[in-house]
C-alpha cells in the first residue's frame, strides 16, 4: 500500500535538503541493493539528525545498522566525547557500514557491534539518551522491554516502520511482521511510563519519551 503521495515526498525532500556528499553517495550505491527500502533516505535522515542535534545525546543506541546511513545522521548530534553504538546482525552488511563510517568525520564516535542485539545490549551498560529501533520487526517488543527500564527521564526512543507498509491498517492482519508491529504499537500505547506520538512519515515513525 502506497501511504505517502510521491509528489508530496519529493516536495518535502526539496525543502529539507540533505547536503552531504557521503550520504548522497551511500544513497546512490544502495539503489541496486535488494533491500534498498531499508535505507532511511534524505528526509527521514534529516529528521533523525535534527532529533539528535536537539537532544544532544552522550550515548545513542541504534538497533539495526543496515549500511550506516541513519548512523551517520544520528551521530551528528553527539556531544564531544559521545558515542553511538549501532548493532547489525549481518556480518556482510556490517562490513559495508563500517567502510562507510571510515569515510566520515564521525567515524571515531560510531561503534559497530555485529551479532544478536538481545545478547549485545545487556553487555553495553550505557545510560542511553537516544535509541533508534529499525531492525527485525518481530524483535521490536523485546528490544523495547530491554531498554526502557534503564532509560532516564527525558530519554527518547524512535521506532521506525510502525505502519509497516500500511499492513497494520487492514482489518485482518496478515504476516508475522505486521502482527508484531501492531503488538508493539499497542504495548507502547498502554505504557504509562512514556509519552508517545506517531508520525506518518514514510513507513511511520513512533516517537517515545520516557517520563
N, C-alpha and C. Protein backbone atom coordinates (compact mmCIF):
# COMPACT_ATOMS: atom_id res chain seq x y z
N UNK A 1 0.84 -1.19 0.00
CA UNK A 1 0.00 0.00 0.00
C UNK A 1 0.89 1.25 0.00
N UNK A 2 0.63 2.17 -0.94
CA UNK A 2 1.37 3.42 -1.01
C UNK A 2 0.75 4.41 -0.04
N UNK A 3 1.48 4.72 1.06
CA UNK A 3 0.94 5.57 2.10
C UNK A 3 1.18 7.05 1.85
N UNK A 4 2.32 7.36 1.25
CA UNK A 4 2.71 8.75 1.06
C UNK A 4 2.67 9.11 -0.42
N UNK A 5 2.03 10.22 -0.73
CA UNK A 5 1.99 10.71 -2.11
C UNK A 5 3.42 11.01 -2.58
N UNK A 6 3.88 10.37 -3.67
CA UNK A 6 5.25 10.57 -4.14
C UNK A 6 5.58 12.05 -4.41
N UNK A 7 4.60 12.81 -4.89
CA UNK A 7 4.84 14.23 -5.15
C UNK A 7 5.06 14.99 -3.84
N UNK A 8 4.30 14.64 -2.81
CA UNK A 8 4.47 15.29 -1.51
C UNK A 8 5.82 14.91 -0.91
N UNK A 9 6.23 13.65 -1.13
CA UNK A 9 7.52 13.19 -0.63
C UNK A 9 8.65 13.99 -1.29
N UNK A 10 8.60 14.12 -2.60
CA UNK A 10 9.62 14.86 -3.33
C UNK A 10 9.64 16.33 -2.93
N UNK A 11 8.46 16.89 -2.73
CA UNK A 11 8.35 18.29 -2.33
C UNK A 11 9.00 18.49 -0.96
N UNK A 12 8.70 17.59 -0.03
CA UNK A 12 9.26 17.69 1.31
C UNK A 12 10.78 17.54 1.29
N UNK A 13 11.28 16.63 0.46
CA UNK A 13 12.72 16.43 0.36
C UNK A 13 13.41 17.67 -0.22
N UNK A 14 12.73 18.31 -1.17
CA UNK A 14 13.29 19.53 -1.79
C UNK A 14 13.48 20.63 -0.76
N UNK A 15 12.53 20.74 0.17
CA UNK A 15 12.60 21.79 1.17
C UNK A 15 13.24 21.32 2.49
N UNK A 16 13.85 20.13 2.44
CA UNK A 16 14.59 19.61 3.59
C UNK A 16 15.93 19.07 3.08
N UNK A 17 16.75 19.92 2.50
CA UNK A 17 17.96 19.45 1.82
C UNK A 17 18.95 18.72 2.73
N UNK A 18 19.43 17.59 2.24
CA UNK A 18 20.47 16.82 2.93
C UNK A 18 21.76 17.03 2.13
N UNK A 19 22.47 18.09 2.47
CA UNK A 19 23.65 18.48 1.70
C UNK A 19 24.89 17.81 2.25
N UNK A 20 25.05 16.55 1.91
CA UNK A 20 26.18 15.77 2.39
C UNK A 20 26.60 14.80 1.31
N UNK A 21 27.81 14.94 0.83
CA UNK A 21 28.29 14.13 -0.29
C UNK A 21 28.33 12.64 0.04
N UNK A 22 28.76 12.30 1.27
CA UNK A 22 28.85 10.88 1.63
C UNK A 22 27.47 10.24 1.70
N UNK A 23 26.51 10.92 2.30
CA UNK A 23 25.16 10.36 2.39
C UNK A 23 24.55 10.22 1.00
N UNK A 24 24.79 11.19 0.14
CA UNK A 24 24.30 11.10 -1.23
C UNK A 24 24.92 9.90 -1.95
N UNK A 25 26.20 9.67 -1.70
CA UNK A 25 26.90 8.54 -2.31
C UNK A 25 26.33 7.22 -1.81
N UNK A 26 26.10 7.12 -0.50
CA UNK A 26 25.54 5.90 0.07
C UNK A 26 24.15 5.62 -0.51
N UNK A 27 23.36 6.67 -0.66
CA UNK A 27 22.02 6.51 -1.22
C UNK A 27 22.09 5.97 -2.65
N UNK A 28 22.98 6.50 -3.44
CA UNK A 28 23.13 6.05 -4.83
C UNK A 28 23.63 4.61 -4.89
N UNK A 29 24.57 4.26 -4.02
CA UNK A 29 25.13 2.91 -4.01
C UNK A 29 24.11 1.88 -3.54
N UNK A 30 23.08 2.33 -2.84
CA UNK A 30 22.09 1.40 -2.29
C UNK A 30 20.91 1.20 -3.23
N UNK A 31 20.85 1.95 -4.31
CA UNK A 31 19.72 1.87 -5.24
C UNK A 31 19.52 0.47 -5.80
N UNK A 32 20.62 -0.27 -5.99
CA UNK A 32 20.53 -1.61 -6.56
C UNK A 32 20.55 -2.70 -5.49
N UNK A 33 20.51 -2.30 -4.23
CA UNK A 33 20.50 -3.28 -3.14
C UNK A 33 19.12 -3.95 -3.09
N UNK A 34 19.07 -5.27 -2.89
CA UNK A 34 17.78 -5.97 -2.86
C UNK A 34 16.84 -5.49 -1.73
N UNK A 35 17.41 -4.85 -0.72
CA UNK A 35 16.60 -4.33 0.38
C UNK A 35 16.78 -2.82 0.51
N UNK A 36 16.82 -2.14 -0.62
CA UNK A 36 17.06 -0.70 -0.65
C UNK A 36 16.04 0.10 0.14
N UNK A 37 14.82 -0.46 0.31
CA UNK A 37 13.77 0.24 1.05
C UNK A 37 14.13 0.41 2.53
N UNK A 38 15.14 -0.31 2.99
CA UNK A 38 15.55 -0.22 4.39
C UNK A 38 16.37 1.04 4.67
N UNK A 39 16.84 1.72 3.64
CA UNK A 39 17.60 2.94 3.83
C UNK A 39 16.69 4.05 4.34
N UNK A 40 17.12 4.77 5.35
CA UNK A 40 16.30 5.85 5.90
C UNK A 40 15.96 6.90 4.86
N UNK A 41 16.93 7.25 4.02
CA UNK A 41 16.69 8.24 2.98
C UNK A 41 16.88 9.66 3.49
N UNK A 42 16.94 10.63 2.56
CA UNK A 42 17.28 12.01 2.93
C UNK A 42 16.30 12.70 3.86
N UNK A 43 15.00 12.50 3.68
CA UNK A 43 14.02 13.20 4.51
C UNK A 43 14.03 12.67 5.94
N UNK A 44 13.92 11.36 6.09
CA UNK A 44 13.94 10.80 7.44
C UNK A 44 15.32 10.96 8.06
N UNK A 45 16.36 10.84 7.24
CA UNK A 45 17.72 11.02 7.75
C UNK A 45 17.91 12.40 8.34
N UNK A 46 17.37 13.41 7.66
CA UNK A 46 17.46 14.78 8.16
C UNK A 46 16.68 14.93 9.46
N UNK A 47 15.54 14.25 9.57
CA UNK A 47 14.75 14.31 10.80
C UNK A 47 15.51 13.66 11.96
N UNK A 48 16.14 12.52 11.71
CA UNK A 48 16.94 11.86 12.74
C UNK A 48 18.09 12.77 13.19
N UNK A 49 18.72 13.39 12.22
CA UNK A 49 19.80 14.32 12.53
C UNK A 49 19.31 15.47 13.42
N UNK A 50 18.14 16.00 13.08
CA UNK A 50 17.56 17.09 13.86
C UNK A 50 17.27 16.67 15.30
N UNK A 51 16.66 15.49 15.46
CA UNK A 51 16.36 15.00 16.80
C UNK A 51 17.63 14.86 17.63
N UNK A 52 18.68 14.36 16.99
CA UNK A 52 19.95 14.19 17.69
C UNK A 52 20.56 15.54 18.05
N UNK A 53 20.50 16.48 17.14
CA UNK A 53 21.07 17.80 17.42
C UNK A 53 20.29 18.54 18.51
N UNK A 54 18.98 18.31 18.57
CA UNK A 54 18.16 18.94 19.60
C UNK A 54 18.41 18.33 20.98
N UNK A 55 18.50 17.01 21.03
CA UNK A 55 18.66 16.33 22.32
C UNK A 55 20.10 16.32 22.82
N UNK A 56 21.07 16.47 21.90
CA UNK A 56 22.50 16.49 22.26
C UNK A 56 22.86 15.29 23.14
N UNK A 57 22.67 14.09 22.65
CA UNK A 57 22.92 12.88 23.44
C UNK A 57 24.41 12.60 23.66
N UNK A 58 24.70 11.94 24.76
CA UNK A 58 26.05 11.44 25.00
C UNK A 58 26.16 10.00 24.51
N UNK A 59 25.05 9.25 24.69
CA UNK A 59 25.05 7.85 24.27
C UNK A 59 23.81 7.55 23.43
N UNK A 60 24.06 7.09 22.21
CA UNK A 60 22.98 6.69 21.30
C UNK A 60 23.07 5.19 21.06
N UNK A 61 21.92 4.52 21.08
CA UNK A 61 21.85 3.11 20.73
C UNK A 61 21.01 2.99 19.47
N UNK A 62 21.57 2.37 18.45
CA UNK A 62 20.84 2.11 17.21
C UNK A 62 20.75 0.60 17.01
N UNK A 63 19.53 0.10 16.93
CA UNK A 63 19.32 -1.33 16.72
C UNK A 63 18.92 -1.53 15.27
N UNK A 64 19.87 -1.98 14.46
CA UNK A 64 19.67 -2.13 13.02
C UNK A 64 20.47 -1.10 12.26
N UNK A 65 21.66 -1.47 11.83
CA UNK A 65 22.58 -0.52 11.18
C UNK A 65 22.32 -0.39 9.69
N UNK A 66 22.04 -1.50 9.04
CA UNK A 66 21.98 -1.62 7.58
C UNK A 66 23.31 -1.10 7.02
N UNK A 67 23.31 -0.12 6.10
CA UNK A 67 24.57 0.33 5.50
C UNK A 67 25.15 1.56 6.20
N UNK A 68 24.52 1.98 7.30
CA UNK A 68 25.10 3.05 8.11
C UNK A 68 24.59 4.45 7.85
N UNK A 69 23.61 4.60 6.97
CA UNK A 69 23.09 5.93 6.63
C UNK A 69 22.51 6.62 7.86
N UNK A 70 21.61 5.96 8.55
CA UNK A 70 20.98 6.57 9.72
C UNK A 70 21.98 6.79 10.85
N UNK A 71 22.96 5.91 10.96
CA UNK A 71 24.00 6.06 11.99
C UNK A 71 24.73 7.39 11.81
N UNK A 72 25.10 7.68 10.58
CA UNK A 72 25.84 8.90 10.28
C UNK A 72 24.99 10.14 10.57
N UNK A 73 23.69 10.04 10.31
CA UNK A 73 22.79 11.17 10.60
C UNK A 73 22.67 11.39 12.11
N UNK A 74 22.46 10.32 12.84
CA UNK A 74 22.29 10.41 14.28
C UNK A 74 23.56 10.89 14.99
N UNK A 75 24.70 10.47 14.50
CA UNK A 75 25.97 10.79 15.16
C UNK A 75 26.29 12.29 15.16
N UNK A 76 25.63 13.03 14.30
CA UNK A 76 25.94 14.46 14.18
C UNK A 76 25.51 15.28 15.40
N UNK A 77 24.63 14.73 16.22
CA UNK A 77 24.19 15.48 17.38
C UNK A 77 24.91 15.12 18.67
N UNK A 78 25.82 14.16 18.59
CA UNK A 78 26.53 13.74 19.80
C UNK A 78 27.35 14.87 20.41
N UNK A 79 27.37 14.92 21.73
CA UNK A 79 28.22 15.89 22.42
C UNK A 79 29.67 15.45 22.28
N UNK A 80 30.64 16.33 22.49
CA UNK A 80 32.05 15.93 22.43
C UNK A 80 32.30 14.75 23.38
N UNK A 81 32.94 13.73 22.87
CA UNK A 81 33.21 12.54 23.67
C UNK A 81 32.07 11.55 23.66
N UNK A 82 30.97 11.86 22.95
CA UNK A 82 29.81 10.99 22.89
C UNK A 82 30.05 9.78 22.01
N UNK A 83 29.18 8.78 22.16
CA UNK A 83 29.32 7.53 21.41
C UNK A 83 27.98 7.09 20.84
N UNK A 84 28.02 6.54 19.64
CA UNK A 84 26.87 5.90 19.04
C UNK A 84 27.20 4.42 18.88
N UNK A 85 26.43 3.58 19.55
CA UNK A 85 26.62 2.13 19.44
C UNK A 85 25.53 1.60 18.51
N UNK A 86 25.93 1.00 17.41
CA UNK A 86 24.97 0.50 16.43
C UNK A 86 25.13 -1.00 16.26
N UNK A 87 24.02 -1.71 16.16
CA UNK A 87 24.01 -3.17 16.15
C UNK A 87 23.47 -3.70 14.83
N UNK A 88 24.22 -4.63 14.23
CA UNK A 88 23.82 -5.22 12.96
C UNK A 88 24.02 -6.74 13.02
N UNK A 89 22.99 -7.47 12.67
CA UNK A 89 23.06 -8.93 12.72
C UNK A 89 23.94 -9.51 11.62
N UNK A 90 23.82 -8.96 10.41
CA UNK A 90 24.54 -9.49 9.25
C UNK A 90 25.99 -8.99 9.19
N UNK A 91 26.92 -9.92 9.17
CA UNK A 91 28.32 -9.55 9.07
C UNK A 91 28.65 -8.89 7.74
N UNK A 92 28.01 -9.36 6.67
CA UNK A 92 28.25 -8.80 5.34
C UNK A 92 27.77 -7.35 5.27
N UNK A 93 26.58 -7.09 5.80
CA UNK A 93 26.03 -5.73 5.79
C UNK A 93 26.84 -4.83 6.72
N UNK A 94 27.28 -5.37 7.85
CA UNK A 94 28.09 -4.60 8.79
C UNK A 94 29.40 -4.14 8.16
N UNK A 95 29.95 -4.97 7.29
CA UNK A 95 31.21 -4.61 6.62
C UNK A 95 31.01 -3.40 5.71
N UNK A 96 29.86 -3.34 5.05
CA UNK A 96 29.54 -2.19 4.19
C UNK A 96 29.41 -0.93 5.05
N UNK A 97 28.70 -1.05 6.16
CA UNK A 97 28.51 0.09 7.05
C UNK A 97 29.85 0.57 7.61
N UNK A 98 30.69 -0.36 8.01
CA UNK A 98 31.99 0.00 8.58
C UNK A 98 32.83 0.78 7.56
N UNK A 99 32.77 0.35 6.30
CA UNK A 99 33.51 1.06 5.25
C UNK A 99 32.97 2.47 5.07
N UNK A 100 31.67 2.62 5.17
CA UNK A 100 31.07 3.96 5.06
C UNK A 100 31.46 4.84 6.24
N UNK A 101 31.51 4.27 7.42
CA UNK A 101 31.88 5.04 8.61
C UNK A 101 33.32 5.58 8.49
N UNK A 102 34.20 4.78 7.91
CA UNK A 102 35.60 5.19 7.78
C UNK A 102 35.77 6.39 6.85
N UNK A 103 34.79 6.61 6.00
CA UNK A 103 34.84 7.75 5.08
C UNK A 103 34.32 9.04 5.72
N UNK A 104 33.75 8.93 6.91
CA UNK A 104 33.09 10.07 7.54
C UNK A 104 33.95 10.75 8.59
N UNK A 105 33.51 11.94 9.00
CA UNK A 105 34.21 12.69 10.04
C UNK A 105 33.81 12.21 11.43
N UNK A 106 32.79 11.39 11.50
CA UNK A 106 32.30 10.91 12.81
C UNK A 106 32.69 9.46 13.08
N UNK A 107 33.61 8.91 12.30
CA UNK A 107 33.98 7.50 12.42
C UNK A 107 34.38 7.13 13.85
N UNK A 108 35.14 7.97 14.51
CA UNK A 108 35.60 7.66 15.85
C UNK A 108 34.52 7.63 16.90
N UNK A 109 33.35 8.19 16.57
CA UNK A 109 32.24 8.23 17.53
C UNK A 109 31.29 7.05 17.37
N UNK A 110 31.43 6.32 16.26
CA UNK A 110 30.49 5.23 15.96
C UNK A 110 31.15 3.89 16.26
N UNK A 111 30.49 3.09 17.11
CA UNK A 111 30.99 1.77 17.48
C UNK A 111 30.00 0.74 16.96
N UNK A 112 30.47 -0.08 16.04
CA UNK A 112 29.61 -1.06 15.38
C UNK A 112 29.77 -2.43 16.02
N UNK A 113 28.65 -3.03 16.41
CA UNK A 113 28.63 -4.36 17.00
C UNK A 113 27.89 -5.30 16.05
N UNK A 114 28.46 -6.47 15.81
CA UNK A 114 27.83 -7.44 14.92
C UNK A 114 27.33 -8.64 15.73
N UNK A 115 26.06 -8.99 15.54
CA UNK A 115 25.51 -10.13 16.26
C UNK A 115 24.09 -9.88 16.71
N UNK A 116 23.61 -10.74 17.59
CA UNK A 116 22.24 -10.68 18.11
C UNK A 116 22.09 -9.52 19.09
N UNK A 117 21.18 -8.60 18.79
CA UNK A 117 21.01 -7.40 19.62
C UNK A 117 20.62 -7.74 21.05
N UNK A 118 19.77 -8.75 21.24
CA UNK A 118 19.31 -9.10 22.58
C UNK A 118 20.45 -9.62 23.45
N UNK A 119 21.49 -10.14 22.81
CA UNK A 119 22.66 -10.62 23.55
C UNK A 119 23.67 -9.50 23.79
N UNK A 120 23.73 -8.55 22.86
CA UNK A 120 24.73 -7.49 22.93
C UNK A 120 24.32 -6.35 23.86
N UNK A 121 23.06 -5.92 23.79
CA UNK A 121 22.60 -4.75 24.54
C UNK A 121 22.91 -4.82 26.04
N UNK A 122 22.61 -5.95 26.71
CA UNK A 122 22.89 -6.01 28.16
C UNK A 122 24.37 -5.84 28.51
N UNK A 123 25.24 -6.17 27.57
CA UNK A 123 26.68 -6.08 27.83
C UNK A 123 27.22 -4.66 27.67
N UNK A 124 26.47 -3.79 27.02
CA UNK A 124 26.96 -2.44 26.74
C UNK A 124 26.90 -1.55 27.98
N UNK A 125 25.82 -1.65 28.75
CA UNK A 125 25.72 -0.94 30.03
C UNK A 125 25.85 0.57 29.96
N UNK A 126 25.26 1.17 28.93
CA UNK A 126 25.33 2.63 28.79
C UNK A 126 23.99 3.27 29.17
N UNK A 127 24.03 4.49 29.72
CA UNK A 127 22.80 5.23 30.03
C UNK A 127 22.31 5.94 28.76
N UNK A 128 21.53 5.25 27.96
CA UNK A 128 21.14 5.77 26.64
C UNK A 128 20.30 7.03 26.73
N UNK A 129 20.65 8.01 25.92
CA UNK A 129 19.87 9.25 25.81
C UNK A 129 18.92 9.19 24.63
N UNK A 130 19.32 8.43 23.60
CA UNK A 130 18.54 8.34 22.36
C UNK A 130 18.68 6.92 21.82
N UNK A 131 17.54 6.31 21.49
CA UNK A 131 17.52 4.94 20.96
C UNK A 131 16.74 4.95 19.64
N UNK A 132 17.32 4.33 18.62
CA UNK A 132 16.63 4.21 17.33
C UNK A 132 16.45 2.73 17.03
N UNK A 133 15.20 2.29 16.91
CA UNK A 133 14.90 0.89 16.62
C UNK A 133 14.47 0.76 15.17
N UNK A 134 15.26 0.02 14.41
CA UNK A 134 14.96 -0.16 12.98
C UNK A 134 15.55 -1.50 12.53
N UNK A 135 15.10 -2.56 13.18
CA UNK A 135 15.64 -3.89 12.91
C UNK A 135 14.50 -4.85 12.58
N UNK A 136 14.69 -6.14 12.89
CA UNK A 136 13.65 -7.13 12.63
C UNK A 136 12.38 -6.77 13.40
N UNK A 137 11.27 -6.77 12.73
CA UNK A 137 10.02 -6.28 13.31
C UNK A 137 9.51 -7.17 14.45
N UNK A 138 9.80 -8.46 14.37
CA UNK A 138 9.36 -9.37 15.43
C UNK A 138 10.14 -9.15 16.73
N UNK A 139 11.22 -8.39 16.66
CA UNK A 139 12.02 -8.16 17.85
C UNK A 139 11.74 -6.83 18.54
N UNK A 140 10.90 -5.98 17.93
CA UNK A 140 10.67 -4.64 18.48
C UNK A 140 10.23 -4.66 19.95
N UNK A 141 9.26 -5.49 20.27
CA UNK A 141 8.75 -5.51 21.64
C UNK A 141 9.83 -5.93 22.63
N UNK A 142 10.65 -6.91 22.25
CA UNK A 142 11.73 -7.36 23.13
C UNK A 142 12.79 -6.28 23.32
N UNK A 143 13.13 -5.59 22.24
CA UNK A 143 14.11 -4.50 22.34
C UNK A 143 13.57 -3.40 23.26
N UNK A 144 12.32 -3.07 23.08
CA UNK A 144 11.68 -2.03 23.89
C UNK A 144 11.70 -2.41 25.37
N UNK A 145 11.27 -3.62 25.68
CA UNK A 145 11.26 -4.07 27.07
C UNK A 145 12.66 -4.06 27.69
N UNK A 146 13.64 -4.31 26.87
CA UNK A 146 15.01 -4.37 27.37
C UNK A 146 15.58 -3.00 27.70
N UNK A 147 15.28 -2.00 26.89
CA UNK A 147 15.93 -0.70 27.07
C UNK A 147 15.16 0.29 27.94
N UNK A 148 13.82 0.22 27.94
CA UNK A 148 13.03 1.23 28.64
C UNK A 148 13.32 1.33 30.14
N UNK A 149 13.41 0.23 30.86
CA UNK A 149 13.62 0.34 32.31
C UNK A 149 14.88 1.13 32.70
N UNK A 150 15.92 1.06 31.90
CA UNK A 150 17.17 1.74 32.24
C UNK A 150 17.28 3.17 31.74
N UNK A 151 16.27 3.64 31.01
CA UNK A 151 16.33 4.99 30.46
C UNK A 151 16.03 6.03 31.54
N UNK A 152 16.74 7.14 31.50
CA UNK A 152 16.46 8.22 32.43
C UNK A 152 15.31 9.06 31.90
N UNK A 153 14.75 9.89 32.76
CA UNK A 153 13.66 10.75 32.36
C UNK A 153 14.10 11.68 31.23
N UNK A 154 13.29 11.76 30.19
CA UNK A 154 13.60 12.62 29.05
C UNK A 154 14.28 11.90 27.91
N UNK A 155 14.74 10.67 28.14
CA UNK A 155 15.38 9.91 27.06
C UNK A 155 14.36 9.62 25.97
N UNK A 156 14.83 9.52 24.74
CA UNK A 156 13.95 9.40 23.57
C UNK A 156 14.21 8.09 22.82
N UNK A 157 13.12 7.43 22.45
CA UNK A 157 13.18 6.25 21.57
C UNK A 157 12.46 6.60 20.28
N UNK A 158 13.08 6.27 19.15
CA UNK A 158 12.45 6.43 17.84
C UNK A 158 12.33 5.04 17.24
N UNK A 159 11.12 4.64 16.88
CA UNK A 159 10.89 3.32 16.29
C UNK A 159 10.38 3.49 14.86
N UNK A 160 11.08 2.89 13.91
CA UNK A 160 10.74 3.05 12.50
C UNK A 160 9.79 1.95 12.03
N UNK A 161 9.14 2.19 10.90
CA UNK A 161 8.27 1.22 10.21
C UNK A 161 7.06 0.79 11.03
N UNK A 162 6.54 1.70 11.85
CA UNK A 162 5.41 1.33 12.71
C UNK A 162 4.06 1.30 11.97
N UNK A 163 4.06 1.65 10.69
CA UNK A 163 2.87 1.46 9.85
C UNK A 163 3.01 0.21 8.97
N UNK A 164 4.21 -0.28 8.90
CA UNK A 164 4.59 -1.48 8.14
C UNK A 164 3.86 -1.61 6.81
N UNK A 165 4.21 -0.71 5.91
CA UNK A 165 3.70 -0.72 4.54
C UNK A 165 2.18 -0.65 4.49
N UNK A 166 1.58 -0.10 5.54
CA UNK A 166 0.13 0.04 5.58
C UNK A 166 -0.60 -1.22 6.01
N UNK A 167 0.14 -2.28 6.28
CA UNK A 167 -0.50 -3.55 6.63
C UNK A 167 -1.21 -3.50 7.98
N UNK A 168 -0.74 -2.63 8.88
CA UNK A 168 -1.40 -2.52 10.19
C UNK A 168 -2.76 -1.82 10.09
N UNK A 169 -3.05 -1.24 8.93
CA UNK A 169 -4.32 -0.56 8.73
C UNK A 169 -5.43 -1.52 8.29
N UNK A 170 -5.04 -2.72 7.92
CA UNK A 170 -6.02 -3.70 7.46
C UNK A 170 -6.85 -4.24 8.63
N UNK A 171 -8.10 -4.60 8.34
CA UNK A 171 -8.99 -5.12 9.38
C UNK A 171 -8.46 -6.45 9.93
N UNK A 172 -7.95 -7.28 9.03
CA UNK A 172 -7.38 -8.56 9.45
C UNK A 172 -5.90 -8.56 9.10
N UNK A 173 -5.07 -8.59 10.13
CA UNK A 173 -3.62 -8.54 9.92
C UNK A 173 -3.10 -9.85 9.36
N UNK A 174 -2.19 -9.73 8.40
CA UNK A 174 -1.58 -10.91 7.79
C UNK A 174 -0.06 -10.82 7.94
N UNK A 175 0.56 -11.92 8.24
CA UNK A 175 2.01 -11.96 8.32
C UNK A 175 2.52 -11.65 9.71
N UNK A 176 3.61 -12.29 10.06
CA UNK A 176 4.17 -12.14 11.40
C UNK A 176 4.70 -10.73 11.66
N UNK A 177 5.22 -10.06 10.65
CA UNK A 177 5.78 -8.73 10.86
C UNK A 177 4.70 -7.69 11.17
N UNK A 178 3.63 -7.72 10.42
CA UNK A 178 2.52 -6.78 10.68
C UNK A 178 1.92 -7.03 12.06
N UNK A 179 1.76 -8.28 12.41
CA UNK A 179 1.22 -8.63 13.72
C UNK A 179 2.16 -8.18 14.84
N UNK A 180 3.46 -8.33 14.61
CA UNK A 180 4.44 -7.94 15.62
C UNK A 180 4.47 -6.43 15.81
N UNK A 181 4.37 -5.69 14.71
CA UNK A 181 4.36 -4.22 14.80
C UNK A 181 3.08 -3.74 15.48
N UNK A 182 1.96 -4.36 15.16
CA UNK A 182 0.70 -3.98 15.81
C UNK A 182 0.79 -4.23 17.32
N UNK A 183 1.36 -5.34 17.71
CA UNK A 183 1.52 -5.67 19.13
C UNK A 183 2.45 -4.66 19.81
N UNK A 184 3.50 -4.28 19.11
CA UNK A 184 4.43 -3.28 19.65
C UNK A 184 3.74 -1.94 19.84
N UNK A 185 3.00 -1.50 18.83
CA UNK A 185 2.30 -0.22 18.92
C UNK A 185 1.29 -0.22 20.08
N UNK A 186 0.59 -1.32 20.25
CA UNK A 186 -0.37 -1.44 21.34
C UNK A 186 0.33 -1.40 22.70
N UNK A 187 1.47 -2.06 22.80
CA UNK A 187 2.21 -2.10 24.04
C UNK A 187 2.67 -0.70 24.45
N UNK A 188 3.21 0.04 23.48
CA UNK A 188 3.67 1.40 23.77
C UNK A 188 2.50 2.30 24.14
N UNK A 189 1.39 2.15 23.42
CA UNK A 189 0.21 2.95 23.69
C UNK A 189 -0.23 2.84 25.14
N UNK A 190 -0.15 1.66 25.70
CA UNK A 190 -0.64 1.41 27.05
C UNK A 190 0.46 1.46 28.12
N UNK A 191 1.65 1.91 27.74
CA UNK A 191 2.76 2.02 28.70
C UNK A 191 2.73 3.40 29.35
N UNK A 192 2.37 3.46 30.61
CA UNK A 192 2.22 4.74 31.32
C UNK A 192 3.57 5.38 31.66
N UNK A 193 4.67 4.67 31.42
CA UNK A 193 5.99 5.22 31.73
C UNK A 193 6.46 6.21 30.68
N UNK A 194 5.77 6.25 29.53
CA UNK A 194 6.26 7.05 28.41
C UNK A 194 5.16 7.91 27.80
N UNK A 195 5.61 8.97 27.11
CA UNK A 195 4.75 9.76 26.24
C UNK A 195 5.04 9.31 24.82
N UNK A 196 4.06 9.42 23.96
CA UNK A 196 4.28 8.91 22.61
C UNK A 196 3.48 9.68 21.57
N UNK A 197 4.04 9.74 20.35
CA UNK A 197 3.32 10.33 19.23
C UNK A 197 3.81 9.63 17.96
N UNK A 198 2.88 9.26 17.09
CA UNK A 198 3.22 8.59 15.84
C UNK A 198 3.18 9.58 14.69
N UNK A 199 4.26 9.59 13.90
CA UNK A 199 4.37 10.48 12.76
C UNK A 199 4.17 9.68 11.48
N UNK A 200 3.32 10.17 10.60
CA UNK A 200 3.04 9.46 9.35
C UNK A 200 4.04 9.87 8.27
N UNK A 201 5.30 9.65 8.55
CA UNK A 201 6.37 9.89 7.57
C UNK A 201 6.83 8.55 7.02
N UNK A 202 6.93 8.47 5.71
CA UNK A 202 7.34 7.24 5.03
C UNK A 202 6.53 6.05 5.56
N UNK A 203 7.17 5.18 6.30
CA UNK A 203 6.52 3.96 6.77
C UNK A 203 6.12 4.06 8.24
N UNK A 204 6.05 5.30 8.75
CA UNK A 204 5.63 5.51 10.13
C UNK A 204 6.80 5.56 11.10
N UNK A 205 6.84 6.59 11.93
CA UNK A 205 7.89 6.74 12.93
C UNK A 205 7.23 7.05 14.27
N UNK A 206 7.50 6.23 15.27
CA UNK A 206 6.91 6.41 16.59
C UNK A 206 7.93 7.05 17.52
N UNK A 207 7.56 8.23 18.06
CA UNK A 207 8.43 8.95 18.99
C UNK A 207 7.96 8.61 20.40
N UNK A 208 8.88 8.17 21.22
CA UNK A 208 8.57 7.73 22.57
C UNK A 208 9.52 8.43 23.54
N UNK A 209 8.96 9.13 24.53
CA UNK A 209 9.78 9.85 25.50
C UNK A 209 9.53 9.31 26.90
N UNK A 210 10.61 8.93 27.58
CA UNK A 210 10.49 8.41 28.95
C UNK A 210 10.12 9.57 29.88
N UNK A 211 9.08 9.38 30.69
CA UNK A 211 8.62 10.41 31.61
C UNK A 211 9.63 10.60 32.74
